[in-house]
C-alpha atoms as a PDB file:
ATOM      1  CA  UNK A   1       0.000   0.000   0.000  1.00  0.00           C
ATOM      2  CA  UNK A   2       2.896   2.350   0.843  1.00  0.00           C
ATOM      3  CA  UNK A   3       4.490   1.888  -2.588  1.00  0.00           C
ATOM      4  CA  UNK A   4       1.195   2.619  -4.315  1.00  0.00           C
ATOM      5  CA  UNK A   5       0.668   5.731  -2.195  1.00  0.00           C
ATOM      6  CA  UNK A   6       4.189   6.968  -2.935  1.00  0.00           C
ATOM      7  CA  UNK A   7       3.604   6.361  -6.637  1.00  0.00           C
ATOM      8  CA  UNK A   8       0.316   8.266  -6.542  1.00  0.00           C
ATOM      9  CA  UNK A   9       1.907  11.206  -4.695  1.00  0.00           C
ATOM     10  CA  UNK A  10       4.831  11.335  -7.121  1.00  0.00           C
ATOM     11  CA  UNK A  11       2.422  11.229 -10.056  1.00  0.00           C
ATOM     12  CA  UNK A  12       0.353  14.082  -8.656  1.00  0.00           C
ATOM     13  CA  UNK A  13       3.456  16.199  -8.040  1.00  0.00           C
ATOM     14  CA  UNK A  14       4.705  15.572 -11.570  1.00  0.00           C
ATOM     15  CA  UNK A  15       1.285  16.415 -13.022  1.00  0.00           C
ATOM     16  CA  UNK A  16       1.116  19.627 -10.962  1.00  0.00           C
ATOM     17  CA  UNK A  17       4.587  20.639 -12.166  1.00  0.00           C
ATOM     18  CA  UNK A  18       3.590  19.936 -15.787  1.00  0.00           C
ATOM     19  CA  UNK A  19       0.377  21.926 -15.409  1.00  0.00           C
ATOM     20  CA  UNK A  20       2.245  24.856 -13.860  1.00  0.00           C
ATOM     21  CA  UNK A  21       4.862  24.811 -16.618  1.00  0.00           C
ATOM     22  CA  UNK A  22       2.194  24.607 -19.286  1.00  0.00           C
ATOM     23  CA  UNK A  23       0.321  27.587 -17.818  1.00  0.00           C
ATOM     24  CA  UNK A  24       3.488  29.669 -17.741  1.00  0.00           C
ATOM     25  CA  UNK A  25       4.295  28.744 -21.341  1.00  0.00           C
ATOM     26  CA  UNK A  26       0.768  29.596 -22.426  1.00  0.00           C
ATOM     27  CA  UNK A  27       0.957  33.009 -20.761  1.00  0.00           C
ATOM     28  CA  UNK A  28       4.205  33.724 -22.604  1.00  0.00           C
ATOM     29  CA  UNK A  29       3.058  32.605 -26.030  1.00  0.00           C
ATOM     30  CA  UNK A  30      -0.567  33.883 -25.918  1.00  0.00           C
ATOM     31  CA  UNK A  31      -0.665  37.649 -25.286  1.00  0.00           C
ATOM     32  CA  UNK A  32      -3.903  39.360 -24.299  1.00  0.00           C
ATOM     33  CA  UNK A  33      -6.298  39.819 -27.225  1.00  0.00           C
ATOM     34  CA  UNK A  34      -6.239  43.376 -28.553  1.00  0.00           C
ATOM     35  CA  UNK A  35      -9.336  44.945 -30.039  1.00  0.00           C
ATOM     36  CA  UNK A  36      -9.108  45.823 -33.746  1.00  0.00           C
ATOM     37  CA  UNK A  37      -9.758  49.560 -34.228  1.00  0.00           C
ATOM     38  CA  UNK A  38      -7.845  50.309 -37.465  1.00  0.00           C
ATOM     39  CA  UNK A  39      -9.758  49.646 -40.703  1.00  0.00           C
ATOM     40  CA  UNK A  40      -9.472  50.180 -44.436  1.00  0.00           C
ATOM     41  CA  UNK A  41     -12.713  50.795 -46.324  1.00  0.00           C
ATOM     42  CA  UNK A  42     -13.963  51.284 -49.841  1.00  0.00           C
ATOM     43  CA  UNK A  43     -16.860  53.716 -49.841  1.00  0.00           C
ATOM     44  CA  UNK A  44     -18.846  55.708 -52.376  1.00  0.00           C
ATOM     45  CA  UNK A  45     -20.936  58.852 -52.513  1.00  0.00           C
ATOM     46  CA  UNK A  46     -23.028  60.524 -55.193  1.00  0.00           C
ATOM     47  CA  UNK A  47     -21.500  63.721 -53.877  1.00  0.00           C
ATOM     48  CA  UNK A  48     -17.817  62.797 -53.600  1.00  0.00           C
ATOM     49  CA  UNK A  49     -17.479  59.737 -55.861  1.00  0.00           C
ATOM     50  CA  UNK A  50     -15.368  56.724 -54.850  1.00  0.00           C
ATOM     51  CA  UNK A  51     -13.705  57.029 -51.459  1.00  0.00           C
ATOM     52  CA  UNK A  52     -10.674  55.240 -50.067  1.00  0.00           C
ATOM     53  CA  UNK A  53     -11.244  55.494 -46.309  1.00  0.00           C
ATOM     54  CA  UNK A  54      -8.895  54.732 -43.437  1.00  0.00           C
ATOM     55  CA  UNK A  55     -10.133  54.606 -39.839  1.00  0.00           C
ATOM     56  CA  UNK A  56      -7.637  55.029 -37.017  1.00  0.00           C
ATOM     57  CA  UNK A  57      -7.971  55.597 -33.271  1.00  0.00           C
ATOM     58  CA  UNK A  58      -8.142  59.399 -33.451  1.00  0.00           C
ATOM     59  CA  UNK A  59      -8.961  60.208 -37.087  1.00  0.00           C
ATOM     60  CA  UNK A  60     -10.792  59.141 -40.219  1.00  0.00           C
ATOM     61  CA  UNK A  61      -9.087  59.740 -43.577  1.00  0.00           C
ATOM     62  CA  UNK A  62     -10.794  59.844 -46.969  1.00  0.00           C
ATOM     63  CA  UNK A  63      -9.303  60.220 -50.413  1.00  0.00           C
ATOM     64  CA  UNK A  64     -11.225  60.811 -53.619  1.00  0.00           C
ATOM     65  CA  UNK A  65      -9.430  61.871 -56.787  1.00  0.00           C
ATOM     66  CA  UNK A  66      -7.358  64.955 -55.999  1.00  0.00           C
ATOM     67  CA  UNK A  67      -9.128  65.608 -52.683  1.00  0.00           C
ATOM     68  CA  UNK A  68      -8.132  64.420 -49.214  1.00  0.00           C
ATOM     69  CA  UNK A  69     -10.442  64.717 -46.211  1.00  0.00           C
ATOM     70  CA  UNK A  70      -9.579  64.185 -42.546  1.00  0.00           C
ATOM     71  CA  UNK A  71     -11.956  64.155 -39.570  1.00  0.00           C
ATOM     72  CA  UNK A  72      -9.928  64.231 -36.358  1.00  0.00           C
ATOM     73  CA  UNK A  73     -10.459  64.314 -32.586  1.00  0.00           C
ATOM     74  CA  UNK A  74     -10.302  65.056 -29.650  1.00  0.00           C
ATOM     75  CA  UNK A  75     -10.959  68.597 -30.863  1.00  0.00           C
ATOM     76  CA  UNK A  76     -13.393  67.729 -33.705  1.00  0.00           C
ATOM     77  CA  UNK A  77     -11.725  69.177 -36.790  1.00  0.00           C
ATOM     78  CA  UNK A  78     -12.276  68.823 -40.525  1.00  0.00           C
ATOM     79  CA  UNK A  79      -9.324  69.264 -42.879  1.00  0.00           C
ATOM     80  CA  UNK A  80      -9.771  69.183 -46.664  1.00  0.00           C
ATOM     81  CA  UNK A  81      -6.788  69.264 -49.019  1.00  0.00           C
ATOM     82  CA  UNK A  82      -6.894  69.738 -52.795  1.00  0.00           C
ATOM     83  CA  UNK A  83      -3.812  68.509 -54.621  1.00  0.00           C
ATOM     84  CA  UNK A  84      -5.214  70.039 -57.805  1.00  0.00           C
ATOM     85  CA  UNK A  85      -5.438  73.634 -56.536  1.00  0.00           C
ATOM     86  CA  UNK A  86      -2.714  73.154 -53.895  1.00  0.00           C
ATOM     87  CA  UNK A  87      -4.948  74.608 -51.217  1.00  0.00           C
ATOM     88  CA  UNK A  88      -6.353  73.353 -47.933  1.00  0.00           C
ATOM     89  CA  UNK A  89      -9.189  74.210 -45.577  1.00  0.00           C
ATOM     90  CA  UNK A  90      -9.157  73.470 -41.860  1.00  0.00           C
ATOM     91  CA  UNK A  91     -12.122  74.247 -39.618  1.00  0.00           C
ATOM     92  CA  UNK A  92     -13.686  73.023 -36.402  1.00  0.00           C
ATOM     93  CA  UNK A  93     -16.580  70.690 -37.040  1.00  0.00           C
ATOM     94  CA  UNK A  94     -18.737  72.559 -34.569  1.00  0.00           C
ATOM     95  CA  UNK A  95     -18.972  75.347 -37.132  1.00  0.00           C
ATOM     96  CA  UNK A  96     -20.671  72.942 -39.513  1.00  0.00           C
ATOM     97  CA  UNK A  97     -22.893  71.697 -36.720  1.00  0.00           C
ATOM     98  CA  UNK A  98     -23.989  75.207 -35.769  1.00  0.00           C
ATOM     99  CA  UNK A  99     -24.806  76.125 -39.366  1.00  0.00           C
ATOM    100  CA  UNK A 100     -26.619  72.862 -40.091  1.00  0.00           C
ATOM    101  CA  UNK A 101     -28.626  73.235 -36.896  1.00  0.00           C
ATOM    102  CA  UNK A 102     -29.632  76.749 -37.960  1.00  0.00           C
ATOM    103  CA  UNK A 103     -30.828  75.464 -41.329  1.00  0.00           C
ATOM    104  CA  UNK A 104     -32.786  72.662 -39.656  1.00  0.00           C
ATOM    105  CA  UNK A 105     -34.433  75.066 -37.238  1.00  0.00           C
ATOM    106  CA  UNK A 106     -35.277  77.448 -40.064  1.00  0.00           C
ATOM    107  CA  UNK A 107     -36.950  74.644 -42.011  1.00  0.00           C
ATOM    108  CA  UNK A 108     -38.538  73.239 -38.835  1.00  0.00           C
ATOM    109  CA  UNK A 109     -37.156  69.910 -39.916  1.00  0.00           C
ATOM    110  CA  UNK A 110     -38.113  66.879 -37.827  1.00  0.00           C
ATOM    111  CA  UNK A 111     -37.335  63.221 -38.411  1.00  0.00           C
ATOM    112  CA  UNK A 112     -39.949  60.574 -37.632  1.00  0.00           C
ATOM    113  CA  UNK A 113     -38.491  57.117 -36.979  1.00  0.00           C
ATOM    114  CA  UNK A 114     -40.286  54.569 -39.172  1.00  0.00           C
ATOM    115  CA  UNK A 115     -38.321  51.433 -38.282  1.00  0.00           C
ATOM    116  CA  UNK A 116     -35.151  50.201 -36.566  1.00  0.00           C
ATOM    117  CA  UNK A 117     -33.806  46.777 -37.516  1.00  0.00           C
ATOM    118  CA  UNK A 118     -30.580  44.823 -37.118  1.00  0.00           C
ATOM    119  CA  UNK A 119     -28.574  43.853 -40.173  1.00  0.00           C
ATOM    120  CA  UNK A 120     -25.070  43.564 -41.590  1.00  0.00           C
ATOM    121  CA  UNK A 121     -22.871  45.648 -43.843  1.00  0.00           C
ATOM    122  CA  UNK A 122     -19.778  43.950 -45.266  1.00  0.00           C
ATOM    123  CA  UNK A 123     -20.207  41.175 -42.694  1.00  0.00           C
ATOM    124  CA  UNK A 124     -20.333  43.483 -39.663  1.00  0.00           C
ATOM    125  CA  UNK A 125     -23.365  43.868 -37.429  1.00  0.00           C
ATOM    126  CA  UNK A 126     -25.089  47.228 -37.818  1.00  0.00           C
ATOM    127  CA  UNK A 127     -28.342  49.005 -37.053  1.00  0.00           C
ATOM    128  CA  UNK A 128     -30.593  50.231 -39.861  1.00  0.00           C
ATOM    129  CA  UNK A 129     -32.902  53.176 -39.238  1.00  0.00           C
ATOM    130  CA  UNK A 130     -35.565  54.482 -41.618  1.00  0.00           C
ATOM    131  CA  UNK A 131     -36.744  58.077 -41.167  1.00  0.00           C
ATOM    132  CA  UNK A 132     -39.374  60.338 -42.668  1.00  0.00           C
ATOM    133  CA  UNK A 133     -38.290  64.008 -42.697  1.00  0.00           C
ATOM    134  CA  UNK A 134     -41.121  66.414 -41.911  1.00  0.00           C
ATOM    135  CA  UNK A 135     -40.366  68.978 -44.633  1.00  0.00           C
ATOM    136  CA  UNK A 136     -38.860  66.909 -47.452  1.00  0.00           C
ATOM    137  CA  UNK A 137     -40.706  64.091 -49.197  1.00  0.00           C
ATOM    138  CA  UNK A 138     -37.982  61.445 -49.363  1.00  0.00           C
ATOM    139  CA  UNK A 139     -37.277  58.731 -46.766  1.00  0.00           C
ATOM    140  CA  UNK A 140     -33.859  58.547 -45.144  1.00  0.00           C
ATOM    141  CA  UNK A 141     -32.007  55.243 -44.668  1.00  0.00           C
ATOM    142  CA  UNK A 142     -29.253  55.374 -42.061  1.00  0.00           C
ATOM    143  CA  UNK A 143     -26.860  52.591 -40.981  1.00  0.00           C
ATOM    144  CA  UNK A 144     -24.292  52.728 -38.156  1.00  0.00           C
ATOM    145  CA  UNK A 145     -22.178  50.154 -36.325  1.00  0.00           C
ATOM    146  CA  UNK A 146     -20.352  49.658 -33.057  1.00  0.00           C
ATOM    147  CA  UNK A 147     -18.731  46.444 -34.308  1.00  0.00           C
ATOM    148  CA  UNK A 148     -15.623  48.333 -35.493  1.00  0.00           C
ATOM    149  CA  UNK A 149     -14.895  49.547 -31.933  1.00  0.00           C
ATOM    150  CA  UNK A 150     -14.520  53.159 -33.054  1.00  0.00           C
ATOM    151  CA  UNK A 151     -14.068  55.631 -30.211  1.00  0.00           C
ATOM    152  CA  UNK A 152     -17.380  57.369 -29.465  1.00  0.00           C
ATOM    153  CA  UNK A 153     -15.848  60.835 -29.906  1.00  0.00           C
ATOM    154  CA  UNK A 154     -14.559  59.936 -33.394  1.00  0.00           C
ATOM    155  CA  UNK A 155     -17.819  58.211 -34.347  1.00  0.00           C
ATOM    156  CA  UNK A 156     -19.761  61.306 -33.263  1.00  0.00           C
ATOM    157  CA  UNK A 157     -17.428  63.576 -35.250  1.00  0.00           C
ATOM    158  CA  UNK A 158     -17.993  61.414 -38.350  1.00  0.00           C
ATOM    159  CA  UNK A 159     -21.759  61.558 -37.830  1.00  0.00           C
ATOM    160  CA  UNK A 160     -21.436  65.321 -37.647  1.00  0.00           C
ATOM    161  CA  UNK A 161     -19.423  65.390 -40.887  1.00  0.00           C
ATOM    162  CA  UNK A 162     -21.866  63.148 -42.756  1.00  0.00           C
ATOM    163  CA  UNK A 163     -24.786  65.238 -41.465  1.00  0.00           C
ATOM    164  CA  UNK A 164     -26.685  62.583 -39.487  1.00  0.00           C
ATOM    165  CA  UNK A 165     -25.832  63.691 -35.963  1.00  0.00           C
ATOM    166  CA  UNK A 166     -29.518  64.292 -35.139  1.00  0.00           C
ATOM    167  CA  UNK A 167     -30.519  60.751 -36.079  1.00  0.00           C
ATOM    168  CA  UNK A 168     -30.818  57.929 -33.573  1.00  0.00           C
ATOM    169  CA  UNK A 169     -28.028  55.374 -33.331  1.00  0.00           C
ATOM    170  CA  UNK A 170     -24.474  55.034 -32.070  1.00  0.00           C
ATOM    171  CA  UNK A 171     -21.208  54.042 -33.678  1.00  0.00           C
ATOM    172  CA  UNK A 172     -19.573  54.792 -37.000  1.00  0.00           C
ATOM    173  CA  UNK A 173     -21.927  55.765 -39.865  1.00  0.00           C
ATOM    174  CA  UNK A 174     -21.666  53.355 -42.811  1.00  0.00           C
ATOM    175  CA  UNK A 175     -24.605  54.245 -45.037  1.00  0.00           C
ATOM    176  CA  UNK A 176     -26.871  57.269 -45.541  1.00  0.00           C
ATOM    177  CA  UNK A 177     -29.319  57.179 -48.471  1.00  0.00           C
ATOM    178  CA  UNK A 178     -32.282  59.371 -49.442  1.00  0.00           C
ATOM    179  CA  UNK A 179     -35.073  57.410 -51.165  1.00  0.00           C
ATOM    180  CA  UNK A 180     -37.442  59.412 -53.365  1.00  0.00           C
ATOM    181  CA  UNK A 181     -41.107  58.480 -53.914  1.00  0.00           C
ATOM    182  CA  UNK A 182     -40.421  57.957 -57.642  1.00  0.00           C
ATOM    183  CA  UNK A 183     -37.951  55.160 -56.875  1.00  0.00           C
ATOM    184  CA  UNK A 184     -34.727  57.139 -57.388  1.00  0.00           C
ATOM    185  CA  UNK A 185     -32.235  57.679 -54.594  1.00  0.00           C
ATOM    186  CA  UNK A 186     -29.323  59.890 -53.596  1.00  0.00           C
ATOM    187  CA  UNK A 187     -26.414  58.195 -51.816  1.00  0.00           C
ATOM    188  CA  UNK A 188     -24.738  60.486 -49.314  1.00  0.00           C
ATOM    189  CA  UNK A 189     -22.480  57.625 -48.180  1.00  0.00           C
ATOM    190  CA  UNK A 190     -22.238  53.875 -48.732  1.00  0.00           C
ATOM    191  CA  UNK A 191     -19.693  51.270 -47.635  1.00  0.00           C
ATOM    192  CA  UNK A 192     -18.662  48.516 -50.041  1.00  0.00           C
ATOM    193  CA  UNK A 193     -15.848  46.775 -48.142  1.00  0.00           C
ATOM    194  CA  UNK A 194     -14.249  46.771 -44.682  1.00  0.00           C
ATOM    195  CA  UNK A 195     -10.905  45.121 -43.952  1.00  0.00           C
ATOM    196  CA  UNK A 196      -8.363  45.357 -41.116  1.00  0.00           C
ATOM    197  CA  UNK A 197      -5.795  48.042 -41.878  1.00  0.00           C
ATOM    198  CA  UNK A 198      -2.311  46.806 -42.724  1.00  0.00           C
ATOM    199  CA  UNK A 199      -0.472  50.056 -43.433  1.00  0.00           C
ATOM    200  CA  UNK A 200       0.230  53.278 -41.593  1.00  0.00           C
ATOM    201  CA  UNK A 201      -1.440  56.468 -42.755  1.00  0.00           C
ATOM    202  CA  UNK A 202       0.889  59.259 -43.852  1.00  0.00           C
ATOM    203  CA  UNK A 203      -1.237  62.398 -43.986  1.00  0.00           C
ATOM    204  CA  UNK A 204       0.080  65.947 -43.800  1.00  0.00           C
ATOM    205  CA  UNK A 205      -0.666  69.255 -45.498  1.00  0.00           C
ATOM    206  CA  UNK A 206       2.306  70.197 -47.742  1.00  0.00           C
ATOM    207  CA  UNK A 207       4.038  73.354 -46.546  1.00  0.00           C
ATOM    208  CA  UNK A 208       3.674  75.058 -49.935  1.00  0.00           C
ATOM    209  CA  UNK A 209      -0.152  74.705 -50.000  1.00  0.00           C
ATOM    210  CA  UNK A 210      -2.177  77.885 -49.485  1.00  0.00           C
ATOM    211  CA  UNK A 211      -4.971  78.145 -46.932  1.00  0.00           C
ATOM    212  CA  UNK A 212      -8.395  78.566 -48.554  1.00  0.00           C
ATOM    213  CA  UNK A 213     -11.092  80.921 -47.269  1.00  0.00           C
ATOM    214  CA  UNK A 214     -13.960  78.555 -48.038  1.00  0.00           C
ATOM    215  CA  UNK A 215     -14.818  75.297 -49.792  1.00  0.00           C
ATOM    216  CA  UNK A 216     -15.503  77.172 -53.029  1.00  0.00           C
ATOM    217  CA  UNK A 217     -12.168  78.943 -52.723  1.00  0.00           C
ATOM    218  CA  UNK A 218     -10.571  75.547 -52.137  1.00  0.00           C
ATOM    219  CA  UNK A 219     -12.032  73.942 -55.267  1.00  0.00           C
ATOM    220  CA  UNK A 220     -12.100  76.845 -57.761  1.00  0.00           C
ATOM    221  CA  UNK A 221      -9.951  79.720 -56.443  1.00  0.00           C
ATOM    222  CA  UNK A 222      -9.457  81.400 -59.843  1.00  0.00           C
ATOM    223  CA  UNK A 223     -13.080  81.300 -60.962  1.00  0.00           C
ATOM    224  CA  UNK A 224     -15.221  84.432 -60.787  1.00  0.00           C
ATOM    225  CA  UNK A 225     -18.890  83.746 -60.076  1.00  0.00           C
ATOM    226  CA  UNK A 226     -21.942  85.425 -58.642  1.00  0.00           C
ATOM    227  CA  UNK A 227     -22.963  82.238 -56.832  1.00  0.00           C
ATOM    228  CA  UNK A 228     -22.760  82.359 -53.016  1.00  0.00           C
ATOM    229  CA  UNK A 229     -19.572  81.007 -51.474  1.00  0.00           C
ATOM    230  CA  UNK A 230     -19.939  77.487 -50.133  1.00  0.00           C
ATOM    231  CA  UNK A 231     -19.049  78.281 -46.530  1.00  0.00           C
ATOM    232  CA  UNK A 232     -20.385  75.020 -45.164  1.00  0.00           C
ATOM    233  CA  UNK A 233     -17.900  75.109 -42.312  1.00  0.00           C
ATOM    234  CA  UNK A 234     -18.062  78.817 -41.561  1.00  0.00           C
ATOM    235  CA  UNK A 235     -19.199  79.379 -37.978  1.00  0.00           C
ATOM    236  CA  UNK A 236     -21.106  82.469 -39.023  1.00  0.00           C
ATOM    237  CA  UNK A 237     -23.303  80.344 -41.259  1.00  0.00           C
ATOM    238  CA  UNK A 238     -23.725  83.121 -43.814  1.00  0.00           C
ATOM    239  CA  UNK A 239     -23.166  81.092 -46.976  1.00  0.00           C
ATOM    240  CA  UNK A 240     -26.159  79.509 -48.659  1.00  0.00           C
ATOM    241  CA  UNK A 241     -24.297  77.208 -51.052  1.00  0.00           C
ATOM    242  CA  UNK A 242     -23.944  74.556 -48.397  1.00  0.00           C
ATOM    243  CA  UNK A 243     -23.416  70.858 -48.759  1.00  0.00           C
ATOM    244  CA  UNK A 244     -26.610  70.074 -46.860  1.00  0.00           C
ATOM    245  CA  UNK A 245     -28.648  72.463 -49.007  1.00  0.00           C
ATOM    246  CA  UNK A 246     -27.188  71.102 -52.267  1.00  0.00           C
ATOM    247  CA  UNK A 247     -27.643  67.492 -51.162  1.00  0.00           C
ATOM    248  CA  UNK A 248     -31.227  68.006 -50.086  1.00  0.00           C
ATOM    249  CA  UNK A 249     -32.120  69.695 -53.346  1.00  0.00           C
ATOM    250  CA  UNK A 250     -30.639  66.790 -55.298  1.00  0.00           C
ATOM    251  CA  UNK A 251     -32.430  64.261 -53.131  1.00  0.00           C
ATOM    252  CA  UNK A 252     -35.715  66.036 -53.608  1.00  0.00           C
ATOM    253  CA  UNK A 253     -35.599  65.873 -57.406  1.00  0.00           C
END
């Protein structure tokens, strides 16, 4: 009986040592799981065209043709760079919010929630909201997701940039579409693919680029026109050629 007991004790000690060694090895070879927050996207817009979008922890970068757009936090800022005109515009996003809010109040615009359903975009869980604006006749389709683990402050800044900050939902906006009664639609933003980012983003305004006074000055600085300047980001909100106004007029056609 003593020999069996000694054998059992030795076996248990050996097993405990093996288990301890295995746990230590596992802790060395299996680091804590990190949450993926950097993404590369292919997006499109009837307003901006095809967009190559990069999402990072403190900024969202878009490139379309000769234009580069950056939405950054913690101080919500929008920077637009034109490689064609060699000009850039940098403004606080709150200026856009203040102006958009003024337009909405002027139009007494309200959004009635028609439905809220769960779905997926590019394989990621998202929420789909359908709205009926009170003044305009089209229905608004809005998708957003928390599955990409975007910081709330950056997600909110992107919602402000897209123009859907007054709509219900949290997370990064992925789709915003206006559906007309005649069956046509205007795509403010759509997402076609989402993949984990593999490269660093190198984004800086060249030192020889000139600062633009407005969006119109950024795009066509040498053109003389009687049309109002597109000061969509001007805190004074005096320009009438705004992105929201232009987009709504297109959507209402």
